[in-house]
N, C-alpha and C. Protein backbone atom coordinates (compact mmCIF):
# COMPACT_ATOMS: atom_id res chain seq x y z
N UNK A 1 -3.55 60.12 -98.59
CA UNK A 1 -4.23 60.62 -97.61
C UNK A 1 -5.20 61.76 -97.67
N UNK A 2 -6.42 61.51 -96.77
CA UNK A 2 -7.21 62.78 -96.36
C UNK A 2 -7.71 62.96 -94.91
N UNK A 3 -7.86 63.79 -94.55
CA UNK A 3 -8.38 63.84 -93.09
C UNK A 3 -9.94 63.89 -92.97
N UNK A 4 -10.54 63.57 -92.17
CA UNK A 4 -11.94 62.98 -91.80
C UNK A 4 -12.08 63.52 -90.33
N UNK A 5 -13.30 64.02 -89.97
CA UNK A 5 -14.00 64.44 -89.02
C UNK A 5 -15.18 63.70 -88.40
N UNK A 6 -14.87 62.76 -87.37
CA UNK A 6 -15.88 61.73 -86.75
C UNK A 6 -17.05 63.03 -85.61
N UNK A 7 -18.01 63.11 -86.10
CA UNK A 7 -18.59 64.17 -84.86
C UNK A 7 -19.93 63.41 -84.36
N UNK A 8 -19.36 63.57 -82.78
CA UNK A 8 -20.75 62.75 -82.07
C UNK A 8 -21.41 63.53 -81.45
N UNK A 9 -22.71 63.31 -81.40
CA UNK A 9 -23.96 64.09 -80.98
C UNK A 9 -23.83 63.45 -79.13
N UNK A 10 -23.69 63.66 -78.19
CA UNK A 10 -23.56 62.82 -76.84
C UNK A 10 -24.96 63.06 -76.36
N UNK A 11 -25.32 62.25 -75.66
CA UNK A 11 -26.88 62.62 -74.85
C UNK A 11 -26.27 63.53 -73.95
N UNK A 12 -27.68 64.22 -73.34
CA UNK A 12 -27.39 65.11 -72.57
C UNK A 12 -26.74 64.66 -71.19
N UNK A 13 -27.07 63.31 -70.71
CA UNK A 13 -26.55 63.25 -69.54
C UNK A 13 -25.24 62.19 -69.33
N UNK A 14 -24.09 62.71 -70.57
CA UNK A 14 -23.16 61.59 -71.28
C UNK A 14 -22.19 61.71 -70.19
N UNK A 15 -21.96 62.53 -69.14
CA UNK A 15 -20.84 62.16 -68.25
C UNK A 15 -20.94 61.38 -66.94
N UNK A 16 -22.31 61.23 -67.01
CA UNK A 16 -22.77 59.89 -66.11
C UNK A 16 -22.75 58.70 -66.64
N UNK A 17 -23.18 58.89 -68.14
CA UNK A 17 -23.41 57.57 -68.91
C UNK A 17 -22.48 56.63 -69.64
N UNK A 18 -21.38 57.94 -69.83
CA UNK A 18 -19.70 57.48 -70.28
C UNK A 18 -19.09 56.44 -69.05
N UNK A 19 -19.40 56.63 -67.97
CA UNK A 19 -18.54 56.75 -67.01
C UNK A 19 -18.33 54.73 -67.15
N UNK A 20 -19.36 53.79 -67.11
CA UNK A 20 -18.74 52.22 -67.19
C UNK A 20 -18.35 52.17 -68.86
N UNK A 21 -18.18 53.12 -70.05
CA UNK A 21 -17.66 52.60 -71.22
C UNK A 21 -16.49 53.65 -71.31
N UNK A 22 -15.93 54.41 -70.77
CA UNK A 22 -14.90 55.36 -70.71
C UNK A 22 -13.45 54.48 -71.20
N UNK A 23 -13.35 53.51 -70.01
CA UNK A 23 -12.23 52.58 -70.44
C UNK A 23 -11.76 52.27 -71.85
N UNK A 24 -12.91 51.32 -72.03
CA UNK A 24 -13.24 50.84 -72.91
C UNK A 24 -13.22 51.60 -74.26
N UNK A 25 -13.69 52.90 -74.38
CA UNK A 25 -13.45 54.08 -75.58
C UNK A 25 -12.06 54.47 -75.55
N UNK A 26 -11.72 54.52 -74.69
CA UNK A 26 -10.39 55.13 -74.44
C UNK A 26 -9.27 54.05 -75.40
N UNK A 27 -9.31 53.07 -75.11
CA UNK A 27 -9.06 51.82 -75.54
C UNK A 27 -8.75 51.95 -76.63
N UNK A 28 -9.95 51.41 -77.11
CA UNK A 28 -10.18 51.57 -78.80
C UNK A 28 -9.92 52.84 -79.39
N UNK A 29 -9.66 53.75 -78.82
CA UNK A 29 -8.84 55.13 -79.57
C UNK A 29 -7.66 55.32 -79.66
N UNK A 30 -7.10 54.60 -78.01
CA UNK A 30 -5.84 54.21 -78.74
C UNK A 30 -5.16 53.37 -79.62
N UNK A 31 -5.81 52.34 -79.67
CA UNK A 31 -5.43 51.31 -80.84
C UNK A 31 -5.58 51.72 -82.14
N UNK A 32 -6.64 53.13 -82.49
CA UNK A 32 -6.64 53.71 -83.60
C UNK A 32 -5.39 54.61 -84.05
N UNK A 33 -5.34 54.94 -83.04
CA UNK A 33 -4.22 56.31 -82.72
C UNK A 33 -2.80 55.27 -83.08
N UNK A 34 -2.37 54.31 -82.33
CA UNK A 34 -1.67 53.18 -82.82
C UNK A 34 -1.61 52.90 -84.26
N UNK A 35 -2.54 52.88 -84.99
CA UNK A 35 -2.76 52.39 -86.26
C UNK A 35 -2.18 53.63 -87.03
N UNK A 36 -2.34 54.58 -86.49
CA UNK A 36 -1.92 55.86 -87.33
C UNK A 36 -3.33 56.69 -88.14
N UNK A 37 -4.49 55.82 -87.44
CA UNK A 37 -5.45 56.66 -88.15
C UNK A 37 -6.22 57.76 -87.27
N UNK A 38 -6.24 57.45 -85.75
CA UNK A 38 -6.93 59.04 -85.24
C UNK A 38 -5.70 59.46 -85.11
N UNK A 39 -5.85 60.91 -85.41
CA UNK A 39 -4.89 62.03 -85.16
C UNK A 39 -5.17 62.90 -83.69
N UNK A 40 -6.16 62.97 -83.46
CA UNK A 40 -6.67 63.64 -82.49
C UNK A 40 -8.21 63.40 -81.73
N UNK A 41 -8.51 63.52 -80.50
CA UNK A 41 -9.95 63.26 -80.45
C UNK A 41 -10.17 64.04 -79.06
N UNK A 42 -11.73 64.62 -78.95
CA UNK A 42 -11.62 64.86 -77.40
C UNK A 42 -13.38 65.79 -77.73
N UNK A 43 -13.80 65.84 -76.26
CA UNK A 43 -15.54 66.41 -76.29
C UNK A 43 -15.01 67.80 -76.31
N UNK A 44 -16.23 68.38 -77.04
CA UNK A 44 -16.15 69.98 -77.12
C UNK A 44 -16.37 70.63 -75.77
N UNK A 45 -16.03 71.94 -75.40
CA UNK A 45 -16.49 72.74 -74.12
C UNK A 45 -17.67 72.22 -73.96
N UNK A 46 -18.12 72.98 -72.79
CA UNK A 46 -19.64 72.69 -72.11
C UNK A 46 -20.29 73.85 -72.71
N UNK A 47 -19.97 74.95 -73.36
CA UNK A 47 -20.95 76.02 -73.60
C UNK A 47 -21.89 75.78 -74.96
N UNK A 48 -22.54 74.28 -75.01
CA UNK A 48 -23.05 74.19 -76.18
C UNK A 48 -23.46 72.48 -75.84
N UNK A 49 -24.77 72.11 -76.80
CA UNK A 49 -24.93 70.93 -76.77
C UNK A 49 -23.62 69.75 -76.58
N UNK A 50 -23.56 68.65 -75.95
CA UNK A 50 -22.66 67.88 -75.67
C UNK A 50 -22.43 67.26 -76.77
N UNK A 51 -20.69 67.29 -77.13
CA UNK A 51 -20.43 66.56 -78.92
C UNK A 51 -18.80 66.39 -78.80
N UNK A 52 -18.56 65.57 -79.48
CA UNK A 52 -17.36 64.75 -79.56
C UNK A 52 -16.82 65.28 -81.13
N UNK A 53 -15.38 65.37 -81.12
CA UNK A 53 -15.05 65.65 -82.32
C UNK A 53 -13.37 64.81 -82.49
N UNK A 54 -13.58 63.74 -83.58
CA UNK A 54 -12.45 63.08 -83.32
C UNK A 54 -11.88 63.38 -85.28
N UNK A 55 -10.31 63.29 -85.23
CA UNK A 55 -9.88 63.58 -86.66
C UNK A 55 -8.94 62.29 -86.64
N UNK A 56 -9.37 61.97 -88.15
CA UNK A 56 -8.72 60.53 -88.30
C UNK A 56 -7.83 61.41 -90.00
N UNK A 57 -6.96 60.31 -89.97
CA UNK A 57 -6.42 60.76 -91.43
C UNK A 57 -6.39 59.21 -92.00
N UNK A 58 -7.04 59.36 -92.86
CA UNK A 58 -6.98 57.79 -93.79
C UNK A 58 -7.37 57.99 -95.29
N UNK A 59 -7.28 57.04 -95.98
CA UNK A 59 -7.68 57.22 -97.51
C UNK A 59 -8.95 56.96 -97.78
N UNK A 60 -10.10 56.68 -97.12
CA UNK A 60 -11.39 57.19 -97.34
C UNK A 60 -11.96 57.41 -95.78
N UNK A 61 -13.29 57.50 -95.96
CA UNK A 61 -14.39 57.59 -94.65
C UNK A 61 -14.30 55.93 -93.95
N UNK A 62 -14.38 54.69 -94.28
CA UNK A 62 -14.20 53.88 -93.95
C UNK A 62 -13.51 53.89 -92.70
N UNK A 63 -12.33 54.30 -92.66
CA UNK A 63 -11.83 54.01 -91.10
C UNK A 63 -12.89 55.07 -89.94
N UNK A 64 -12.96 56.05 -90.24
CA UNK A 64 -13.53 56.72 -89.00
C UNK A 64 -15.16 55.75 -88.55
N UNK A 65 -15.66 55.39 -89.86
CA UNK A 65 -16.63 54.76 -89.99
C UNK A 65 -16.98 53.43 -89.05
N UNK A 66 -16.00 53.15 -89.40
CA UNK A 66 -15.59 51.53 -88.59
C UNK A 66 -15.22 51.78 -87.34
N UNK A 67 -14.56 52.88 -86.91
CA UNK A 67 -14.58 53.56 -85.53
C UNK A 67 -15.61 53.37 -84.82
N UNK A 68 -16.35 54.32 -85.65
CA UNK A 68 -17.90 54.63 -84.77
C UNK A 68 -18.54 53.36 -84.80
N UNK A 69 -19.07 52.80 -85.37
CA UNK A 69 -19.90 51.61 -85.21
C UNK A 69 -18.94 50.36 -84.20
N UNK A 70 -17.47 50.41 -84.08
CA UNK A 70 -17.36 49.62 -82.93
C UNK A 70 -16.86 50.16 -81.51
N UNK A 71 -17.11 51.68 -81.82
CA UNK A 71 -16.86 52.25 -80.63
C UNK A 71 -18.02 52.27 -79.25
N UNK A 72 -17.17 51.58 -78.10
CA UNK A 72 -18.39 51.72 -76.67
C UNK A 72 -19.35 52.70 -76.76
N UNK A 73 -18.78 54.15 -76.51
CA UNK A 73 -19.79 55.10 -76.50
C UNK A 73 -21.14 55.11 -77.61
N UNK A 74 -20.54 54.73 -78.79
CA UNK A 74 -21.90 54.23 -80.02
C UNK A 74 -22.66 53.09 -79.68
N UNK A 75 -21.96 51.87 -79.15
CA UNK A 75 -22.61 50.91 -79.13
C UNK A 75 -23.59 50.80 -77.81
N UNK A 76 -23.18 51.30 -76.86
CA UNK A 76 -23.83 52.04 -75.54
C UNK A 76 -24.75 53.06 -75.35
N UNK A 77 -25.07 53.68 -76.49
CA UNK A 77 -25.86 54.96 -76.53
C UNK A 77 -25.21 56.16 -75.69
N UNK A 78 -24.06 56.14 -75.67
CA UNK A 78 -23.49 57.65 -75.26
C UNK A 78 -23.29 58.58 -76.29
N UNK A 79 -22.99 58.15 -76.90
CA UNK A 79 -23.02 58.86 -78.41
C UNK A 79 -24.41 58.32 -79.10
N UNK A 80 -25.37 59.40 -79.35
CA UNK A 80 -26.71 59.06 -79.94
C UNK A 80 -26.78 59.42 -81.43
N UNK A 81 -26.02 60.07 -81.67
CA UNK A 81 -25.65 59.91 -83.40
C UNK A 81 -24.51 60.34 -83.74
N UNK A 82 -23.85 59.87 -84.80
CA UNK A 82 -22.42 60.34 -85.69
C UNK A 82 -22.80 60.52 -86.80
N UNK A 83 -21.59 61.31 -87.33
CA UNK A 83 -21.67 61.41 -88.84
C UNK A 83 -20.22 61.78 -89.01
N UNK A 84 -19.75 61.74 -90.00
CA UNK A 84 -18.60 61.52 -90.81
C UNK A 84 -18.06 62.90 -91.80
N UNK A 85 -17.37 63.09 -91.65
CA UNK A 85 -17.34 64.28 -92.92
C UNK A 85 -15.96 64.34 -93.40
N UNK A 86 -15.00 64.88 -94.79
CA UNK A 86 -14.40 64.89 -94.91
C UNK A 86 -14.13 66.22 -94.96
N UNK A 87 -12.75 66.51 -94.27
CA UNK A 87 -12.11 68.00 -94.29
C UNK A 87 -10.97 68.01 -94.93
N UNK A 88 -10.82 68.94 -95.81
CA UNK A 88 -10.23 69.26 -96.58
C UNK A 88 -8.97 70.44 -95.92
N UNK A 89 -8.00 70.11 -95.69
CA UNK A 89 -7.25 70.75 -94.68
C UNK A 89 -6.02 71.55 -95.93
N UNK A 90 -5.87 73.07 -95.71
CA UNK A 90 -5.05 73.86 -96.60
C UNK A 90 -4.14 74.61 -96.29
N UNK A 91 -4.18 74.65 -94.46
CA UNK A 91 -3.19 75.72 -93.66
C UNK A 91 -2.77 74.74 -92.67
N UNK A 92 -1.58 74.60 -92.44
CA UNK A 92 -0.61 74.29 -91.30
C UNK A 92 0.56 73.15 -91.27
N UNK A 93 1.05 72.96 -90.64
CA UNK A 93 2.58 71.79 -91.18
C UNK A 93 1.43 70.59 -91.49
N UNK A 94 0.42 70.03 -91.08
CA UNK A 94 0.07 68.98 -91.35
C UNK A 94 -1.52 68.71 -92.49
N UNK A 95 -1.31 70.17 -93.38
CA UNK A 95 -3.31 70.44 -94.17
C UNK A 95 -2.36 68.87 -95.04
N UNK A 96 -3.02 68.29 -95.77
CA UNK A 96 -2.79 67.63 -96.75
C UNK A 96 -3.20 67.95 -97.99
N UNK A 97 -3.85 69.28 -98.53
CA UNK A 97 -4.10 70.03 -99.77
C UNK A 97 -3.11 70.93 -99.81
N UNK A 98 -2.53 71.56 -100.63
CA UNK A 98 -1.68 72.80 -101.01
C UNK A 98 -2.67 74.04 -101.19
N UNK A 99 -2.67 75.02 -100.32
CA UNK A 99 -3.63 75.86 -100.93
C UNK A 99 -2.64 77.11 -102.06
N UNK A 100 -3.54 77.52 -103.01
CA UNK A 100 -2.57 78.16 -104.35
C UNK A 100 -1.80 79.30 -103.43
């Protein structure tokens, strides 16, 4: 297993744009969490451009990529762009790579 970060760049007016899609987005996220794929997710603070970060635990980037492709925030333009980055976690009880 590996950790992956799904990073969303939200539309500047995402607080307004997300309203009609928030329930569907949260249901989509809860389903991914129930499958054991989505570990954590949320928006970054308001001290910068609007972004979201979701942490996945999966065998490959396919799980977060599929999540994004079907996420109402992506399909309805709340997230203007997204990207997946593998995150090599080495410290903490849930780290997946042992530090030397």
